[in-house]
């Protein structure tokens, strides 16, 4: 037989009265959106969480080192000495494709034959075709030269660039130059054939009117003379100045051939 029980709904007071005794009143239930009470556990990312400062080495923490690049020439020379020759079993094609060596070819120029070296991404350098060309290239770029044909279509672009004295569509690798020097050389490539400009003119074009000496240094560091016509940049007094591809005599010869000098 079912025994009827009186229906009774527990109230909050009843529940609080039946709560187990403890050291103190229990905290009220947390409602979403409200700040956590002091001392309550928080999940990572919840608002109101305590933020701790990063631990220092003296506190046993790990701190990522800050690396500042050093332009120390002695250090760079020491690192260059660590370079090793690639394995002899690798073919020249593999070495060229991986950038372990540079390709090179001979081209005619107003100064006679020149060596044009290149990588898959562009022409690296232009130098006189003499017995010291390969040694100079290796000293500057850290790679040896191998005789090779440039990528498809570059052969004509190289010849046209040498004849016109401007890169045109020929890609340049721009190695061994700073960002500023590249800006200077890119601006120098706009000087038309048969004209000259002083170093100060280039400096003003770059927004650096007091940097004429730095412009001169950039001309001396030009890795692709004849293609980037640094021979068209002269001193403010009209004198020719120095030239990286064989000296001032070659610079004068080029300017006379182009009609800039009478």
Protein backbone atom coordinates (compact mmCIF):
# COMPACT_ATOMS: atom_id res chain seq x y z
CA UNK A 1 0.00 0.00 0.00
CA UNK A 2 1.32 3.43 -0.96
CA UNK A 3 1.77 5.80 1.89
CA UNK A 4 0.95 9.33 1.02
CA UNK A 5 3.66 11.75 1.99
CA UNK A 6 3.01 15.40 2.51
CA UNK A 7 4.35 17.51 -0.31
CA UNK A 8 7.07 19.75 0.97
CA UNK A 9 9.28 22.11 -1.09
CA UNK A 10 12.59 22.88 0.54
CA UNK A 11 13.40 26.51 0.93
CA UNK A 12 16.73 28.29 0.88
CA UNK A 13 16.61 28.57 4.59
CA UNK A 14 16.13 24.83 4.92
CA UNK A 15 19.10 24.15 2.65
CA UNK A 16 21.32 26.54 4.56
CA UNK A 17 20.24 24.91 7.78
CA UNK A 18 21.25 21.48 6.56
CA UNK A 19 24.68 22.67 5.31
CA UNK A 20 27.59 20.93 6.98
CA UNK A 21 29.38 23.03 9.57
CA UNK A 22 32.77 24.39 8.57
CA UNK A 23 35.31 26.98 9.47
CA UNK A 24 33.19 29.73 8.02
CA UNK A 25 30.34 30.51 5.68
CA UNK A 26 30.77 29.10 2.19
CA UNK A 27 31.26 31.65 -0.57
CA UNK A 28 28.23 32.37 -2.70
CA UNK A 29 28.10 30.64 -6.08
CA UNK A 30 29.93 32.51 -8.82
CA UNK A 31 27.82 33.95 -11.55
CA UNK A 32 29.12 34.30 -15.09
CA UNK A 33 30.35 37.80 -15.86
CA UNK A 34 31.05 38.69 -12.24
CA UNK A 35 34.65 39.06 -10.97
CA UNK A 36 36.01 36.14 -9.02
CA UNK A 37 36.33 36.64 -5.29
CA UNK A 38 39.83 36.98 -3.92
CA UNK A 39 41.58 33.66 -3.65
CA UNK A 40 39.19 31.73 -5.94
CA UNK A 41 40.74 29.50 -8.57
CA UNK A 42 40.76 30.93 -12.10
CA UNK A 43 41.08 29.24 -15.41
CA UNK A 44 43.79 30.56 -17.75
CA UNK A 45 42.51 33.46 -19.80
CA UNK A 46 39.69 34.40 -17.39
CA UNK A 47 39.40 38.10 -16.61
CA UNK A 48 40.74 39.20 -13.30
CA UNK A 49 43.58 36.66 -13.27
CA UNK A 50 46.74 37.64 -11.48
CA UNK A 51 49.59 38.44 -13.81
CA UNK A 52 53.06 37.51 -12.71
CA UNK A 53 56.16 39.34 -13.97
CA UNK A 54 58.58 37.24 -16.02
CA UNK A 55 61.13 35.38 -13.99
CA UNK A 56 64.71 36.55 -14.17
CA UNK A 57 67.77 34.26 -14.32
CA UNK A 58 68.42 34.92 -10.60
CA UNK A 59 64.91 33.57 -9.89
CA UNK A 60 65.51 30.42 -11.88
CA UNK A 61 63.57 31.52 -14.94
CA UNK A 62 64.55 31.37 -18.61
CA UNK A 63 65.18 34.62 -20.44
CA UNK A 64 65.65 34.60 -24.24
CA UNK A 65 68.94 36.23 -25.19
CA UNK A 66 68.96 39.41 -27.25
CA UNK A 67 71.24 39.02 -30.26
CA UNK A 68 72.69 42.20 -31.73
CA UNK A 69 74.43 41.76 -35.10
CA UNK A 70 77.98 42.99 -35.15
CA UNK A 71 79.56 44.49 -38.26
CA UNK A 72 83.03 43.47 -37.03
CA UNK A 73 85.17 42.88 -40.17
CA UNK A 74 87.53 40.59 -38.23
CA UNK A 75 84.60 38.40 -37.18
CA UNK A 76 83.24 38.26 -40.70
CA UNK A 77 86.67 37.27 -42.03
CA UNK A 78 86.97 34.53 -39.41
CA UNK A 79 83.55 33.16 -40.35
CA UNK A 80 84.48 33.21 -44.02
CA UNK A 81 87.48 31.02 -43.24
CA UNK A 82 85.11 28.34 -41.96
CA UNK A 83 83.70 27.78 -45.45
CA UNK A 84 84.41 24.35 -46.87
CA UNK A 85 84.61 23.04 -50.39
CA UNK A 86 81.50 21.13 -51.54
CA UNK A 87 81.85 17.38 -52.12
CA UNK A 88 83.62 16.65 -55.43
CA UNK A 89 80.87 14.25 -56.55
CA UNK A 90 78.39 17.12 -57.03
CA UNK A 91 78.04 18.31 -60.62
CA UNK A 92 78.44 21.93 -61.62
CA UNK A 93 74.72 22.10 -62.36
CA UNK A 94 73.87 21.09 -58.80
CA UNK A 95 76.43 23.50 -57.38
CA UNK A 96 75.00 26.36 -59.45
CA UNK A 97 71.40 25.58 -58.55
CA UNK A 98 72.19 25.46 -54.82
CA UNK A 99 74.30 28.63 -54.84
CA UNK A 100 77.54 26.91 -53.80
CA UNK A 101 79.34 28.32 -56.84
CA UNK A 102 78.67 31.08 -59.36
CA UNK A 103 78.44 30.63 -63.09
CA UNK A 104 80.62 32.78 -65.34
CA UNK A 105 80.91 33.66 -68.99
CA UNK A 106 83.04 35.94 -71.18
CA UNK A 107 81.49 38.93 -72.95
CA UNK A 108 82.82 41.69 -75.17
CA UNK A 109 82.80 45.25 -73.86
CA UNK A 110 84.32 48.64 -74.76
CA UNK A 111 87.15 47.72 -72.36
CA UNK A 112 87.78 44.31 -73.90
CA UNK A 113 86.59 40.97 -72.59
CA UNK A 114 84.91 40.95 -69.20
CA UNK A 115 83.79 38.14 -66.91
CA UNK A 116 80.10 38.25 -66.01
CA UNK A 117 79.20 36.03 -63.07
CA UNK A 118 75.67 35.07 -62.18
CA UNK A 119 73.41 33.05 -59.89
CA UNK A 120 69.88 31.77 -60.52
CA UNK A 121 68.43 35.02 -59.13
CA UNK A 122 70.56 37.51 -61.06
CA UNK A 123 73.94 38.77 -62.24
CA UNK A 124 76.44 38.96 -59.39
CA UNK A 125 79.45 40.80 -60.78
CA UNK A 126 81.32 42.16 -63.79
CA UNK A 127 85.11 42.14 -63.83
CA UNK A 128 87.98 42.37 -66.28
CA UNK A 129 88.89 39.02 -67.81
CA UNK A 130 92.44 38.73 -66.52
CA UNK A 131 94.30 36.14 -64.49
CA UNK A 132 93.15 37.59 -61.16
CA UNK A 133 89.40 37.66 -61.90
CA UNK A 134 88.51 34.42 -60.14
CA UNK A 135 90.61 35.22 -57.07
CA UNK A 136 88.98 38.65 -56.74
CA UNK A 137 85.53 37.12 -57.07
CA UNK A 138 86.23 34.51 -54.42
CA UNK A 139 87.71 37.07 -52.05
CA UNK A 140 84.61 39.26 -52.30
CA UNK A 141 81.78 36.74 -52.56
CA UNK A 142 83.27 33.61 -51.01
CA UNK A 143 82.43 31.35 -53.95
CA UNK A 144 84.44 30.00 -56.86
CA UNK A 145 83.47 30.44 -60.49
CA UNK A 146 82.56 27.70 -62.96
CA UNK A 147 82.17 28.21 -66.68
CA UNK A 148 78.47 28.04 -67.51
CA UNK A 149 75.75 29.51 -69.66
CA UNK A 150 73.36 31.94 -67.94
CA UNK A 151 69.66 31.14 -67.58
CA UNK A 152 67.56 31.18 -70.73
CA UNK A 153 67.16 34.64 -72.20
CA UNK A 154 69.86 36.25 -70.08
CA UNK A 155 72.60 36.03 -72.69
CA UNK A 156 71.04 38.71 -74.88
CA UNK A 157 70.06 40.78 -71.83
CA UNK A 158 73.68 40.80 -70.62
CA UNK A 159 75.00 41.91 -74.02
CA UNK A 160 72.42 44.68 -74.30
CA UNK A 161 73.05 45.86 -70.74
CA UNK A 162 76.79 46.15 -71.39
CA UNK A 163 76.24 48.01 -74.68
CA UNK A 164 73.67 50.43 -73.24
CA UNK A 165 75.29 50.91 -69.86
CA UNK A 166 72.08 50.22 -67.96
CA UNK A 167 70.53 46.98 -66.61
CA UNK A 168 67.23 47.23 -68.46
CA UNK A 169 65.35 43.98 -67.78
CA UNK A 170 68.45 42.09 -66.64
CA UNK A 171 68.01 40.87 -63.03
CA UNK A 172 70.79 41.76 -60.61
CA UNK A 173 71.62 39.79 -57.46
CA UNK A 174 72.85 42.87 -55.51
CA UNK A 175 75.30 41.02 -53.31
CA UNK A 176 77.97 42.54 -51.09
CA UNK A 177 76.29 45.96 -50.98
CA UNK A 178 74.33 47.70 -48.23
CA UNK A 179 70.78 48.93 -48.58
CA UNK A 180 72.04 52.50 -49.03
CA UNK A 181 74.59 51.45 -51.64
CA UNK A 182 71.90 49.62 -53.56
CA UNK A 183 69.76 52.78 -53.58
CA UNK A 184 72.72 54.79 -54.86
CA UNK A 185 73.51 52.29 -57.61
CA UNK A 186 69.86 52.01 -58.65
CA UNK A 187 69.71 55.79 -59.03
CA UNK A 188 73.01 55.86 -60.92
CA UNK A 189 71.55 53.41 -63.44
CA UNK A 190 69.15 56.17 -64.56
CA UNK A 191 71.95 58.47 -65.81
CA UNK A 192 71.66 58.48 -69.62
CA UNK A 193 74.46 57.64 -71.99
CA UNK A 194 76.60 60.65 -72.90
CA UNK A 195 75.84 62.48 -69.62
CA UNK A 196 77.64 62.73 -66.29
CA UNK A 197 76.45 63.63 -62.82
CA UNK A 198 78.44 64.66 -59.71
CA UNK A 199 78.38 62.63 -56.52
CA UNK A 200 76.47 65.40 -54.78
CA UNK A 201 73.68 65.19 -57.35
CA UNK A 202 73.08 61.54 -56.46
CA UNK A 203 73.14 62.37 -52.76
CA UNK A 204 70.47 65.03 -53.22
CA UNK A 205 68.34 62.69 -55.32
CA UNK A 206 68.35 60.27 -52.40
CA UNK A 207 67.45 62.97 -49.88
CA UNK A 208 70.95 62.90 -48.35
CA UNK A 209 72.58 66.14 -49.55
CA UNK A 210 75.53 65.76 -47.20
CA UNK A 211 76.35 62.19 -48.22
CA UNK A 212 78.50 62.83 -51.31
CA UNK A 213 81.40 60.90 -49.80
CA UNK A 214 79.15 57.90 -49.05
CA UNK A 215 77.94 58.04 -52.65
CA UNK A 216 81.55 57.86 -53.81
CA UNK A 217 82.10 54.80 -51.63
CA UNK A 218 79.02 53.20 -53.17
CA UNK A 219 80.42 53.78 -56.65
CA UNK A 220 83.67 52.10 -55.64
CA UNK A 221 81.69 49.11 -54.30
CA UNK A 222 79.63 48.69 -57.47
CA UNK A 223 79.75 44.93 -58.23
CA UNK A 224 78.40 45.33 -61.77
CA UNK A 225 80.26 48.19 -63.50
CA UNK A 226 79.38 48.75 -67.17
CA UNK A 227 75.87 47.42 -66.40
CA UNK A 228 75.31 49.99 -63.65
CA UNK A 229 77.18 52.98 -65.13
CA UNK A 230 79.15 54.26 -62.16
CA UNK A 231 81.64 55.66 -64.72
CA UNK A 232 79.07 58.42 -65.41
CA UNK A 233 79.41 59.79 -61.87
CA UNK A 234 82.23 62.33 -61.48
CA UNK A 235 83.52 64.80 -58.93
CA UNK A 236 81.93 68.20 -58.37
CA UNK A 237 84.91 70.00 -59.96
CA UNK A 238 84.48 67.99 -63.17
CA UNK A 239 87.47 65.71 -62.63
CA UNK A 240 86.90 62.07 -63.43
CA UNK A 241 87.73 60.46 -60.12
CA UNK A 242 88.45 56.79 -59.48
CA UNK A 243 86.97 53.77 -61.24
CA UNK A 244 86.68 50.21 -59.93
CA UNK A 245 87.04 48.52 -63.33
CA UNK A 246 90.66 49.17 -64.20
CA UNK A 247 91.16 52.69 -62.89
CA UNK A 248 90.61 56.27 -64.08
CA UNK A 249 92.02 55.61 -67.57
CA UNK A 250 89.23 53.14 -68.32
CA UNK A 251 86.66 55.57 -66.94
CA UNK A 252 87.90 58.32 -69.23
CA UNK A 253 87.88 55.90 -72.18
CA UNK A 254 84.23 55.01 -71.57
CA UNK A 255 83.16 58.63 -71.22
CA UNK A 256 84.88 59.57 -74.47
CA UNK A 257 83.27 56.66 -76.29
CA UNK A 258 79.86 57.79 -75.03
CA UNK A 259 80.48 61.43 -76.01
CA UNK A 260 80.50 62.80 -72.47
CA UNK A 261 84.09 64.04 -72.86
CA UNK A 262 85.61 65.89 -75.83
